[in-house]
Amino acid sequence: MSVLEIKNDLLRLVVETNDPELLDKVRNYFKILKKEPVSQNEIDEQELRMIEKGLTQVEKGETHSHEEVREKIRSFLHKK
């Protein structure tokens, strides 16, 4: 698929979507992928709650090393 075809397909999907929450998430994700700053106003309430929960977990020491997480994922994938 050419770049132009991909852009046209993305444009079609956006134009056909009337869900503002979905459009907002896609816009924010696209900005993150392009390494553009996402303002506080662009982060929805659910994402803010998830960030706050994560920060609380870090403060409580409820963290895992990168290797621990990789092992859990490997184990999960091998069960399937």
N, C-alpha and C. Protein backbone atom coordinates (compact mmCIF):
# COMPACT_ATOMS: atom_id res chain seq x y z
N MET A 1 0.85 -1.17 0.00
CA MET A 1 0.00 0.00 0.00
C MET A 1 0.90 1.24 0.00
N SER A 2 0.62 2.16 -0.87
CA SER A 2 1.43 3.38 -0.97
C SER A 2 1.08 4.34 0.16
N VAL A 3 1.93 5.32 0.35
CA VAL A 3 1.70 6.33 1.38
C VAL A 3 0.39 7.06 1.09
N LEU A 4 0.15 7.38 -0.15
CA LEU A 4 -1.08 8.08 -0.51
C LEU A 4 -2.32 7.22 -0.19
N GLU A 5 -2.24 5.93 -0.46
CA GLU A 5 -3.36 5.03 -0.15
C GLU A 5 -3.60 4.95 1.35
N ILE A 6 -2.53 4.90 2.11
CA ILE A 6 -2.66 4.85 3.58
C ILE A 6 -3.29 6.14 4.09
N LYS A 7 -2.82 7.28 3.60
CA LYS A 7 -3.39 8.57 4.02
C LYS A 7 -4.87 8.65 3.66
N ASN A 8 -5.22 8.22 2.46
CA ASN A 8 -6.63 8.25 2.05
C ASN A 8 -7.48 7.34 2.93
N ASP A 9 -6.96 6.19 3.28
CA ASP A 9 -7.69 5.27 4.15
C ASP A 9 -7.87 5.86 5.54
N LEU A 10 -6.81 6.45 6.07
CA LEU A 10 -6.92 7.10 7.38
C LEU A 10 -7.92 8.25 7.34
N LEU A 11 -7.86 9.04 6.29
CA LEU A 11 -8.78 10.16 6.14
C LEU A 11 -10.23 9.65 6.08
N ARG A 12 -10.47 8.57 5.33
CA ARG A 12 -11.80 7.98 5.24
C ARG A 12 -12.29 7.55 6.62
N LEU A 13 -11.42 6.88 7.37
CA LEU A 13 -11.81 6.42 8.71
C LEU A 13 -12.16 7.59 9.62
N VAL A 14 -11.38 8.65 9.55
CA VAL A 14 -11.63 9.82 10.39
C VAL A 14 -12.94 10.49 9.98
N VAL A 15 -13.15 10.66 8.69
CA VAL A 15 -14.36 11.32 8.20
C VAL A 15 -15.61 10.52 8.57
N GLU A 16 -15.53 9.20 8.55
CA GLU A 16 -16.68 8.36 8.85
C GLU A 16 -16.96 8.22 10.34
N THR A 17 -16.08 8.73 11.18
CA THR A 17 -16.21 8.58 12.63
C THR A 17 -16.79 9.84 13.24
N ASN A 18 -17.83 9.66 14.05
CA ASN A 18 -18.45 10.79 14.74
C ASN A 18 -18.26 10.71 16.26
N ASP A 19 -17.41 9.80 16.70
CA ASP A 19 -17.16 9.61 18.13
C ASP A 19 -16.02 10.54 18.55
N PRO A 20 -16.33 11.64 19.26
CA PRO A 20 -15.29 12.59 19.63
C PRO A 20 -14.21 11.99 20.54
N GLU A 21 -14.60 11.05 21.39
CA GLU A 21 -13.64 10.42 22.29
C GLU A 21 -12.62 9.60 21.50
N LEU A 22 -13.09 8.84 20.53
CA LEU A 22 -12.20 8.04 19.68
C LEU A 22 -11.29 8.94 18.86
N LEU A 23 -11.84 9.99 18.28
CA LEU A 23 -11.05 10.92 17.48
C LEU A 23 -9.96 11.58 18.33
N ASP A 24 -10.32 11.93 19.56
CA ASP A 24 -9.35 12.55 20.46
C ASP A 24 -8.21 11.59 20.79
N LYS A 25 -8.54 10.33 21.04
CA LYS A 25 -7.51 9.34 21.35
C LYS A 25 -6.59 9.12 20.16
N VAL A 26 -7.17 9.04 18.97
CA VAL A 26 -6.36 8.84 17.76
C VAL A 26 -5.43 10.03 17.55
N ARG A 27 -5.96 11.24 17.73
CA ARG A 27 -5.14 12.44 17.57
C ARG A 27 -3.98 12.45 18.57
N ASN A 28 -4.28 12.15 19.83
CA ASN A 28 -3.22 12.14 20.84
C ASN A 28 -2.18 11.06 20.56
N TYR A 29 -2.63 9.89 20.15
CA TYR A 29 -1.70 8.80 19.84
C TYR A 29 -0.81 9.18 18.66
N PHE A 30 -1.40 9.78 17.66
CA PHE A 30 -0.64 10.20 16.49
C PHE A 30 0.41 11.25 16.89
N LYS A 31 0.02 12.19 17.74
CA LYS A 31 0.96 13.21 18.21
C LYS A 31 2.12 12.56 18.97
N ILE A 32 1.81 11.57 19.80
CA ILE A 32 2.85 10.88 20.57
C ILE A 32 3.81 10.18 19.62
N LEU A 33 3.26 9.50 18.61
CA LEU A 33 4.10 8.79 17.65
C LEU A 33 5.01 9.76 16.89
N LYS A 34 4.50 10.96 16.63
CA LYS A 34 5.30 11.96 15.92
C LYS A 34 6.19 12.76 16.88
N LYS A 35 6.11 12.40 18.15
CA LYS A 35 6.88 13.06 19.20
C LYS A 35 6.54 14.56 19.32
N GLU A 36 5.27 14.86 19.10
CA GLU A 36 4.77 16.22 19.30
C GLU A 36 4.20 16.30 20.71
N PRO A 37 4.32 17.44 21.34
CA PRO A 37 3.79 17.56 22.70
C PRO A 37 2.27 17.45 22.73
N VAL A 38 1.78 16.78 23.76
CA VAL A 38 0.34 16.66 23.99
C VAL A 38 0.04 17.48 25.23
N SER A 39 -0.87 18.45 25.09
CA SER A 39 -1.16 19.33 26.21
C SER A 39 -2.01 18.63 27.25
N GLN A 40 -2.02 19.17 28.44
CA GLN A 40 -2.82 18.62 29.54
C GLN A 40 -4.29 18.56 29.15
N ASN A 41 -4.76 19.55 28.41
CA ASN A 41 -6.17 19.58 28.01
C ASN A 41 -6.51 18.45 27.05
N GLU A 42 -5.52 17.90 26.37
CA GLU A 42 -5.76 16.85 25.39
C GLU A 42 -5.77 15.45 26.01
N ILE A 43 -5.41 15.36 27.26
CA ILE A 43 -5.42 14.08 27.94
C ILE A 43 -6.76 13.92 28.63
N ASP A 44 -7.48 12.85 28.34
CA ASP A 44 -8.82 12.70 28.91
C ASP A 44 -8.75 12.22 30.36
N GLU A 45 -9.90 12.25 31.01
CA GLU A 45 -9.98 11.92 32.43
C GLU A 45 -9.49 10.51 32.74
N GLN A 46 -9.85 9.57 31.89
CA GLN A 46 -9.44 8.18 32.14
C GLN A 46 -7.91 8.07 32.11
N GLU A 47 -7.29 8.71 31.16
CA GLU A 47 -5.83 8.67 31.09
C GLU A 47 -5.21 9.32 32.32
N LEU A 48 -5.79 10.42 32.77
CA LEU A 48 -5.28 11.08 33.98
C LEU A 48 -5.40 10.16 35.19
N ARG A 49 -6.52 9.44 35.32
CA ARG A 49 -6.69 8.51 36.43
C ARG A 49 -5.65 7.39 36.35
N MET A 50 -5.38 6.92 35.14
CA MET A 50 -4.39 5.85 34.98
C MET A 50 -2.99 6.35 35.35
N ILE A 51 -2.66 7.58 34.95
CA ILE A 51 -1.37 8.16 35.30
C ILE A 51 -1.24 8.31 36.81
N GLU A 52 -2.29 8.84 37.43
CA GLU A 52 -2.28 9.03 38.89
C GLU A 52 -2.15 7.68 39.61
N LYS A 53 -2.85 6.66 39.13
CA LYS A 53 -2.76 5.34 39.73
C LYS A 53 -1.33 4.80 39.62
N GLY A 54 -0.73 4.98 38.45
CA GLY A 54 0.65 4.52 38.25
C GLY A 54 1.63 5.23 39.16
N LEU A 55 1.47 6.53 39.31
CA LEU A 55 2.36 7.29 40.19
C LEU A 55 2.20 6.84 41.64
N THR A 56 0.97 6.56 42.05
CA THR A 56 0.72 6.06 43.41
C THR A 56 1.38 4.71 43.60
N GLN A 57 1.29 3.84 42.60
CA GLN A 57 1.93 2.53 42.69
C GLN A 57 3.45 2.67 42.81
N VAL A 58 4.03 3.61 42.07
CA VAL A 58 5.48 3.83 42.17
C VAL A 58 5.84 4.29 43.57
N GLU A 59 5.05 5.23 44.12
CA GLU A 59 5.33 5.74 45.47
C GLU A 59 5.26 4.62 46.50
N LYS A 60 4.36 3.64 46.29
CA LYS A 60 4.21 2.52 47.22
C LYS A 60 5.21 1.40 46.96
N GLY A 61 6.03 1.57 45.94
CA GLY A 61 7.00 0.52 45.61
C GLY A 61 6.41 -0.65 44.87
N GLU A 62 5.23 -0.48 44.33
CA GLU A 62 4.56 -1.55 43.59
C GLU A 62 5.00 -1.52 42.13
N THR A 63 6.26 -1.83 41.91
CA THR A 63 6.81 -1.78 40.56
C THR A 63 7.45 -3.13 40.21
N HIS A 64 7.73 -3.32 38.94
CA HIS A 64 8.40 -4.52 38.44
C HIS A 64 9.53 -4.10 37.52
N SER A 65 10.59 -4.87 37.50
CA SER A 65 11.69 -4.58 36.60
C SER A 65 11.28 -4.93 35.18
N HIS A 66 12.02 -4.38 34.24
CA HIS A 66 11.77 -4.66 32.83
C HIS A 66 11.84 -6.16 32.55
N GLU A 67 12.84 -6.81 33.13
CA GLU A 67 13.01 -8.25 32.91
C GLU A 67 11.84 -9.04 33.49
N GLU A 68 11.34 -8.64 34.67
CA GLU A 68 10.19 -9.33 35.27
C GLU A 68 8.96 -9.24 34.34
N VAL A 69 8.75 -8.08 33.79
CA VAL A 69 7.61 -7.89 32.90
C VAL A 69 7.78 -8.70 31.63
N ARG A 70 8.98 -8.70 31.07
CA ARG A 70 9.24 -9.50 29.86
C ARG A 70 8.98 -10.98 30.13
N GLU A 71 9.39 -11.46 31.29
CA GLU A 71 9.18 -12.87 31.64
C GLU A 71 7.68 -13.18 31.78
N LYS A 72 6.92 -12.28 32.40
CA LYS A 72 5.48 -12.47 32.53
C LYS A 72 4.82 -12.53 31.15
N ILE A 73 5.24 -11.67 30.26
CA ILE A 73 4.68 -11.65 28.91
C ILE A 73 5.04 -12.93 28.17
N ARG A 74 6.30 -13.34 28.27
CA ARG A 74 6.73 -14.60 27.64
C ARG A 74 5.90 -15.77 28.15
N SER A 75 5.72 -15.82 29.45
CA SER A 75 4.95 -16.90 30.07
C SER A 75 3.51 -16.87 29.59
N PHE A 76 2.92 -15.69 29.53
CA PHE A 76 1.55 -15.54 29.08
C PHE A 76 1.40 -15.99 27.63
N LEU A 77 2.32 -15.59 26.78
CA LEU A 77 2.23 -15.92 25.36
C LEU A 77 2.43 -17.41 25.10
N HIS A 78 3.23 -18.07 25.92
CA HIS A 78 3.46 -19.50 25.73
C HIS A 78 2.28 -20.35 26.19
N LYS A 79 1.41 -19.79 27.01
CA LYS A 79 0.22 -20.51 27.45
C LYS A 79 -0.80 -20.62 26.35
N LYS A 80 -0.79 -19.71 25.42
CA LYS A 80 -1.81 -19.66 24.36
C LYS A 80 -1.53 -20.63 23.25
